[in-house]
N, C-alpha and C. Protein backbone atom coordinates (compact mmCIF):
# COMPACT_ATOMS: atom_id res chain seq x y z
N MET A 1 19.79 -1.82 16.41
CA MET A 1 19.40 -2.73 15.67
C MET A 1 18.15 -1.89 15.53
N ALA A 2 16.61 -1.87 14.92
CA ALA A 2 15.86 -1.01 15.12
C ALA A 2 14.55 -2.07 15.83
N ARG A 3 13.81 -1.13 16.69
CA ARG A 3 12.71 -2.05 17.82
C ARG A 3 11.32 -1.26 16.57
N PHE A 4 11.37 -0.21 16.54
CA PHE A 4 9.98 0.28 16.07
C PHE A 4 9.77 0.45 14.19
N VAL A 5 8.49 0.39 13.82
CA VAL A 5 8.06 0.88 12.66
C VAL A 5 8.83 1.75 12.67
N ARG A 6 8.66 3.28 13.10
CA ARG A 6 8.75 4.67 12.43
C ARG A 6 10.15 4.44 12.04
N GLU A 7 11.05 3.39 13.15
CA GLU A 7 12.15 3.78 13.00
C GLU A 7 13.06 3.19 11.11
N VAL A 8 12.03 2.51 10.90
CA VAL A 8 12.38 2.06 9.25
C VAL A 8 11.86 1.99 8.56
N MET A 9 10.00 2.81 9.00
CA MET A 9 9.65 2.97 7.37
C MET A 9 10.11 4.07 7.24
N THR A 10 9.22 3.79 5.32
CA THR A 10 9.53 5.62 5.02
C THR A 10 7.95 6.11 4.90
N ALA A 11 8.61 7.30 5.40
CA ALA A 11 7.62 7.68 5.42
C ALA A 11 6.97 9.43 4.90
N SER A 12 7.42 8.72 3.29
CA SER A 12 6.53 9.47 2.45
C SER A 12 5.43 8.78 1.89
N VAL A 13 4.28 8.64 1.80
CA VAL A 13 3.08 8.21 1.49
C VAL A 13 2.08 8.75 -0.56
N THR A 14 2.01 8.04 -1.12
CA THR A 14 1.57 8.33 -2.38
C THR A 14 0.27 8.14 -2.78
N ALA A 15 -0.73 8.36 -2.47
CA ALA A 15 -2.36 7.60 -2.27
C ALA A 15 -2.41 8.32 -3.70
N VAL A 16 -4.68 7.99 -3.80
CA VAL A 16 -4.96 8.22 -5.04
C VAL A 16 -6.89 8.17 -4.30
N PRO A 17 -7.28 9.17 -4.78
CA PRO A 17 -8.49 8.89 -4.13
C PRO A 17 -9.49 7.57 -5.12
N PRO A 18 -10.52 6.91 -4.56
CA PRO A 18 -10.70 5.57 -5.12
C PRO A 18 -11.70 5.71 -6.17
N ASP A 19 -11.82 7.30 -6.87
CA ASP A 19 -12.27 7.81 -8.17
C ASP A 19 -11.28 7.20 -9.07
N ALA A 20 -9.70 7.22 -8.87
CA ALA A 20 -9.12 7.17 -9.50
C ALA A 20 -8.81 6.10 -10.49
N SER A 21 -8.60 6.72 -11.91
CA SER A 21 -8.64 5.57 -12.79
C SER A 21 -7.16 4.62 -12.78
N LEU A 22 -7.26 2.87 -13.15
CA LEU A 22 -6.27 2.22 -12.94
C LEU A 22 -4.79 3.36 -13.55
N VAL A 23 -5.11 3.66 -15.43
CA VAL A 23 -4.35 4.83 -15.54
C VAL A 23 -3.66 5.19 -14.86
N GLU A 24 -4.59 6.52 -14.06
CA GLU A 24 -3.68 7.57 -13.36
C GLU A 24 -3.32 6.79 -12.49
N ALA A 25 -3.11 5.48 -11.87
CA ALA A 25 -2.66 4.87 -10.99
C ALA A 25 -1.21 4.53 -11.45
N ALA A 26 -1.40 3.65 -12.01
CA ALA A 26 -0.17 3.17 -13.07
C ALA A 26 1.01 4.72 -13.51
N GLN A 27 0.36 5.32 -13.75
CA GLN A 27 1.24 6.61 -14.65
C GLN A 27 1.81 7.07 -12.76
N LEU A 28 1.18 7.08 -12.07
CA LEU A 28 1.34 7.54 -11.15
C LEU A 28 2.80 7.35 -9.90
N MET A 29 2.48 5.68 -10.37
CA MET A 29 3.43 4.52 -9.63
C MET A 29 4.60 4.96 -10.71
N ARG A 30 4.61 4.46 -11.72
CA ARG A 30 5.91 4.65 -13.02
C ARG A 30 6.74 6.28 -12.32
N ALA A 31 5.94 6.82 -11.88
CA ALA A 31 6.23 8.14 -12.17
C ALA A 31 7.17 8.51 -10.53
N GLN A 32 7.18 7.43 -9.40
CA GLN A 32 7.55 7.26 -8.40
C GLN A 32 8.75 6.42 -8.63
N ASP A 33 8.23 5.58 -9.44
CA ASP A 33 9.14 4.46 -9.18
C ASP A 33 9.17 3.36 -7.99
N ILE A 34 7.75 3.16 -7.87
CA ILE A 34 7.14 2.69 -6.50
C ILE A 34 6.12 0.81 -7.34
N GLY A 35 5.78 0.21 -6.23
CA GLY A 35 4.74 -0.99 -7.03
C GLY A 35 3.42 -0.43 -6.38
N ASN A 36 3.11 0.27 -5.23
CA ASN A 36 2.06 0.21 -5.22
C ASN A 36 1.59 2.05 -4.49
N VAL A 37 0.41 1.98 -4.62
CA VAL A 37 -0.53 3.61 -3.93
C VAL A 37 -1.48 3.05 -2.78
N LEU A 38 -1.74 4.06 -1.68
CA LEU A 38 -3.25 4.13 -0.69
C LEU A 38 -3.91 4.18 -1.59
N VAL A 39 -5.01 3.53 -1.27
CA VAL A 39 -6.52 4.41 -1.93
C VAL A 39 -7.08 5.47 -0.69
N THR A 40 -6.81 6.75 -1.09
CA THR A 40 -7.40 7.00 0.98
C THR A 40 -8.93 7.69 0.27
N GLN A 41 -9.84 7.94 1.75
CA GLN A 41 -10.53 9.32 0.61
C GLN A 41 -11.32 9.64 2.19
N ALA A 42 -11.11 10.97 2.17
CA ALA A 42 -11.27 11.77 3.51
C ALA A 42 -10.05 11.82 4.19
N GLY A 43 -8.94 11.63 3.85
CA GLY A 43 -7.56 11.05 4.23
C GLY A 43 -8.09 9.96 5.23
N LEU A 44 -8.15 8.88 5.18
CA LEU A 44 -8.34 7.42 5.72
C LEU A 44 -8.40 7.01 4.78
N VAL A 45 -7.08 5.74 5.08
CA VAL A 45 -6.96 4.50 4.09
C VAL A 45 -7.73 3.22 4.04
N ILE A 46 -8.75 3.36 2.58
CA ILE A 46 -9.21 2.40 2.64
C ILE A 46 -8.88 0.92 1.50
N GLY A 47 -8.29 1.34 1.34
CA GLY A 47 -7.24 0.02 0.32
C GLY A 47 -5.64 0.29 -0.42
N VAL A 48 -5.22 -0.48 -0.29
CA VAL A 48 -3.81 -0.41 -0.81
C VAL A 48 -3.79 -0.98 -2.65
N LEU A 49 -3.36 -0.26 -3.73
CA LEU A 49 -3.70 -0.52 -5.04
C LEU A 49 -2.38 -0.94 -5.45
N THR A 50 -1.58 -2.26 -6.49
CA THR A 50 -0.66 -2.78 -6.42
C THR A 50 -0.43 -2.23 -7.80
N ASP A 51 0.57 -2.93 -8.82
CA ASP A 51 0.74 -3.40 -10.25
C ASP A 51 0.04 -4.30 -10.09
N ARG A 52 0.86 -5.47 -9.19
CA ARG A 52 0.23 -6.62 -9.45
C ARG A 52 -1.34 -6.53 -9.61
N ASP A 53 -2.30 -5.50 -8.74
CA ASP A 53 -3.21 -6.00 -8.67
C ASP A 53 -3.99 -5.45 -10.22
N ILE A 54 -3.60 -4.09 -10.50
CA ILE A 54 -3.67 -3.86 -11.82
C ILE A 54 -4.25 -4.82 -13.06
N THR A 55 -2.43 -5.68 -12.69
CA THR A 55 -2.00 -6.49 -13.69
C THR A 55 -3.35 -7.77 -13.91
N LEU A 56 -3.91 -8.34 -12.83
CA LEU A 56 -4.57 -9.78 -12.44
C LEU A 56 -5.84 -9.40 -12.42
N ARG A 57 -6.40 -8.67 -11.81
CA ARG A 57 -8.14 -7.92 -11.71
C ARG A 57 -8.29 -7.56 -12.66
N ALA A 58 -7.78 -6.86 -12.98
CA ALA A 58 -8.24 -5.24 -14.41
C ALA A 58 -7.71 -5.96 -16.15
N VAL A 59 -6.69 -6.18 -16.41
CA VAL A 59 -6.03 -6.57 -17.45
C VAL A 59 -6.49 -7.60 -18.11
N ALA A 60 -5.79 -8.75 -17.12
CA ALA A 60 -5.65 -9.75 -17.66
C ALA A 60 -7.23 -10.45 -17.28
N GLU A 61 -8.43 -9.16 -16.88
CA GLU A 61 -9.76 -10.03 -16.84
C GLU A 61 -10.60 -9.50 -18.76
N GLY A 62 -9.80 -8.16 -19.39
CA GLY A 62 -10.23 -7.90 -20.08
C GLY A 62 -10.19 -6.22 -19.68
N ALA A 63 -10.85 -5.60 -18.77
CA ALA A 63 -10.96 -4.37 -17.97
C ALA A 63 -10.46 -3.65 -18.90
N ASP A 64 -10.90 -2.12 -19.20
CA ASP A 64 -10.00 -1.29 -19.80
C ASP A 64 -10.26 0.30 -18.41
N PRO A 65 -8.39 -0.25 -18.69
CA PRO A 65 -7.84 0.51 -17.17
C PRO A 65 -8.10 1.93 -16.80
N LEU A 66 -8.64 2.38 -18.05
CA LEU A 66 -9.35 3.73 -18.28
C LEU A 66 -10.31 4.07 -17.79
N THR A 67 -11.60 3.02 -17.46
CA THR A 67 -12.82 2.69 -16.47
C THR A 67 -13.34 2.22 -15.38
N VAL A 68 -12.19 1.81 -15.03
CA VAL A 68 -11.87 0.98 -14.05
C VAL A 68 -11.47 2.07 -12.90
N SER A 69 -12.15 2.29 -11.34
CA SER A 69 -11.65 2.97 -10.59
C SER A 69 -10.45 2.03 -9.96
N ALA A 70 -8.93 2.82 -9.31
CA ALA A 70 -8.51 2.16 -7.85
C ALA A 70 -9.25 1.17 -7.20
N HIS A 71 -10.23 1.98 -6.27
CA HIS A 71 -10.88 1.25 -5.48
C HIS A 71 -11.84 0.04 -5.66
N ALA A 72 -11.94 -0.37 -7.30
CA ALA A 72 -12.72 -1.87 -7.76
C ALA A 72 -12.12 -2.92 -7.69
N VAL A 73 -10.42 -2.36 -7.96
CA VAL A 73 -9.41 -3.77 -7.52
C VAL A 73 -8.38 -3.39 -6.96
N CYS A 74 -8.80 -2.88 -5.59
CA CYS A 74 -7.80 -2.47 -4.53
C CYS A 74 -7.94 -3.94 -3.79
N THR A 75 -6.93 -3.77 -2.87
CA THR A 75 -7.20 -4.81 -1.68
C THR A 75 -7.45 -3.99 -0.48
N ARG A 76 -9.26 -3.80 -0.54
CA ARG A 76 -9.38 -3.01 0.70
C ARG A 76 -9.61 -3.63 1.94
N SER A 77 -9.48 -2.44 3.39
CA SER A 77 -9.52 -2.43 4.46
C SER A 77 -8.19 -3.41 4.68
N PRO A 78 -7.18 -2.61 4.27
CA PRO A 78 -5.35 -3.61 3.89
C PRO A 78 -5.04 -3.46 5.91
N VAL A 79 -3.93 -4.96 5.72
CA VAL A 79 -3.35 -5.61 6.83
C VAL A 79 -2.77 -4.31 7.51
N CYS A 80 -2.70 -3.30 8.26
CA CYS A 80 -2.17 -1.80 8.71
C CYS A 80 -0.89 -1.98 10.09
N VAL A 81 -0.49 -1.58 10.52
CA VAL A 81 0.62 -1.53 11.38
C VAL A 81 0.89 0.15 11.75
N GLY A 82 0.75 0.47 12.76
CA GLY A 82 1.81 1.83 13.69
C GLY A 82 2.62 1.78 13.53
N PRO A 83 3.36 3.07 13.71
CA PRO A 83 4.33 3.49 13.79
C PRO A 83 4.92 3.34 15.35
N ASP A 84 4.25 3.32 16.30
CA ASP A 84 4.96 2.63 17.40
C ASP A 84 4.76 1.76 18.07
N ASP A 85 4.65 0.34 16.35
CA ASP A 85 4.58 -1.41 16.81
C ASP A 85 5.68 -1.58 16.59
N GLU A 86 6.41 -2.61 17.06
CA GLU A 86 7.79 -3.00 17.22
C GLU A 86 7.86 -4.06 16.14
N VAL A 87 9.43 -4.15 15.57
CA VAL A 87 9.25 -3.85 13.94
C VAL A 87 8.86 -5.53 14.05
N ALA A 88 9.26 -6.60 14.74
CA ALA A 88 8.99 -7.92 15.19
C ALA A 88 7.25 -8.04 14.69
N THR A 89 6.23 -6.95 15.16
CA THR A 89 5.10 -7.02 14.99
C THR A 89 4.13 -7.36 12.88
N ALA A 90 4.85 -5.73 12.84
CA ALA A 90 5.15 -6.12 11.26
C ALA A 90 5.59 -7.35 10.41
N VAL A 91 6.97 -7.86 10.69
CA VAL A 91 7.08 -9.05 9.93
C VAL A 91 6.29 -10.19 10.46
N THR A 92 5.98 -10.33 11.84
CA THR A 92 4.62 -11.61 11.44
C THR A 92 2.62 -11.11 10.58
N LEU A 93 3.36 -10.26 10.55
CA LEU A 93 2.05 -9.44 9.88
C LEU A 93 2.14 -9.71 8.33
N MET A 94 3.60 -9.86 7.83
CA MET A 94 4.07 -9.91 6.41
C MET A 94 3.50 -11.26 5.79
N ARG A 95 4.27 -11.80 6.93
CA ARG A 95 4.38 -13.43 7.10
C ARG A 95 2.98 -14.10 7.07
N ARG A 96 2.23 -13.90 7.82
CA ARG A 96 0.23 -14.19 8.10
C ARG A 96 -0.24 -13.98 6.80
N TYR A 97 0.12 -12.91 6.35
CA TYR A 97 -1.24 -12.37 5.30
C TYR A 97 -0.13 -12.14 4.06
N ALA A 98 0.82 -12.95 3.96
CA ALA A 98 1.64 -13.10 2.34
C ALA A 98 2.13 -11.36 1.73
N VAL A 99 2.13 -10.35 2.19
CA VAL A 99 2.29 -9.61 1.57
C VAL A 99 4.15 -8.74 1.78
N ARG A 100 4.12 -8.13 1.52
CA ARG A 100 5.43 -7.32 1.07
C ARG A 100 5.51 -5.73 1.72
N ARG A 101 4.82 -5.68 1.76
CA ARG A 101 4.61 -4.33 1.97
C ARG A 101 3.04 -3.72 3.42
N LEU A 102 3.53 -2.30 4.31
CA LEU A 102 2.29 -2.82 5.73
C LEU A 102 2.50 -1.64 5.05
N PRO A 103 0.61 -0.58 5.01
CA PRO A 103 0.87 0.95 5.14
C PRO A 103 1.41 1.22 6.98
N VAL A 104 1.60 1.90 7.28
CA VAL A 104 1.73 2.56 8.83
C VAL A 104 0.77 3.56 9.14
N VAL A 105 -0.46 3.57 9.15
CA VAL A 105 -1.24 4.64 9.80
C VAL A 105 -0.93 4.63 11.52
N ALA A 106 -2.24 6.12 11.56
CA ALA A 106 -2.06 6.50 12.86
C ALA A 106 -3.33 6.89 12.55
N GLU A 107 -5.07 6.10 13.67
CA GLU A 107 -6.02 6.92 13.77
C GLU A 107 -6.19 6.80 12.12
N GLY A 108 -6.54 5.54 11.22
CA GLY A 108 -6.62 5.32 9.98
C GLY A 108 -5.63 6.31 8.82
N ARG A 109 -5.23 7.32 9.77
CA ARG A 109 -4.44 8.02 8.60
C ARG A 109 -3.19 7.50 8.04
N PRO A 110 -2.63 7.64 6.95
CA PRO A 110 -1.45 7.20 6.17
C PRO A 110 -0.45 8.28 7.01
N LEU A 111 0.46 7.78 7.56
CA LEU A 111 2.09 8.34 7.59
C LEU A 111 3.31 7.55 6.89
N GLY A 112 2.78 6.66 6.78
CA GLY A 112 3.96 5.88 5.74
C GLY A 112 4.19 3.90 5.20
N MET A 113 5.17 3.44 4.77
CA MET A 113 5.31 2.45 4.10
C MET A 113 6.03 2.01 4.89
N VAL A 114 5.65 0.49 5.09
CA VAL A 114 6.92 -0.54 5.83
C VAL A 114 7.08 -1.75 4.76
N SER A 115 7.86 -1.67 4.23
CA SER A 115 8.84 -3.20 3.03
C SER A 115 8.92 -3.95 3.60
N LEU A 116 9.40 -4.99 3.29
CA LEU A 116 9.95 -6.58 3.50
C LEU A 116 11.74 -6.39 3.75
N GLY A 117 11.70 -5.55 2.03
CA GLY A 117 13.34 -4.75 2.42
C GLY A 117 13.28 -4.26 3.66
N ASP A 118 12.64 -3.59 4.44
CA ASP A 118 12.98 -2.37 5.63
C ASP A 118 13.43 -3.37 6.48
N VAL A 119 12.61 -4.03 6.84
CA VAL A 119 12.86 -5.12 7.76
C VAL A 119 13.66 -6.66 7.76
N ALA A 120 13.92 -6.15 6.63
CA ALA A 120 15.06 -7.46 6.65
C ALA A 120 16.15 -7.73 7.46
N ASP A 121 16.71 -6.34 7.76
CA ASP A 121 17.80 -6.66 8.58
C ASP A 121 16.91 -6.99 10.13
N GLN A 122 16.19 -6.43 9.97
CA GLN A 122 15.99 -6.36 11.77
C GLN A 122 16.46 -6.89 12.54
């Protein structure tokens, strides 16, 4: 049984700059077959943008996804975990904040993602 986030996380990170359009972010999500991207600036995580964010915070409001930036609709200052945090900590944070994925960061720099599926059997 895994005890630490580093043992269950997905080590790849997909990120966009804050000024990326929602269309760019959505195309990247489609190409990578993922439901979210990190929004990073100068190598630091400043937000998380999900397919749901694009749908509910932009498209449903009638915003033009070609002109709206990722930073405008992302969740800013997202809840994160470190690679040396216990899996139980990640589970607690997911429950508390009602999220399915958490960025794994070290000193603000993205290292990976941990999802509900990653921790389900732990």
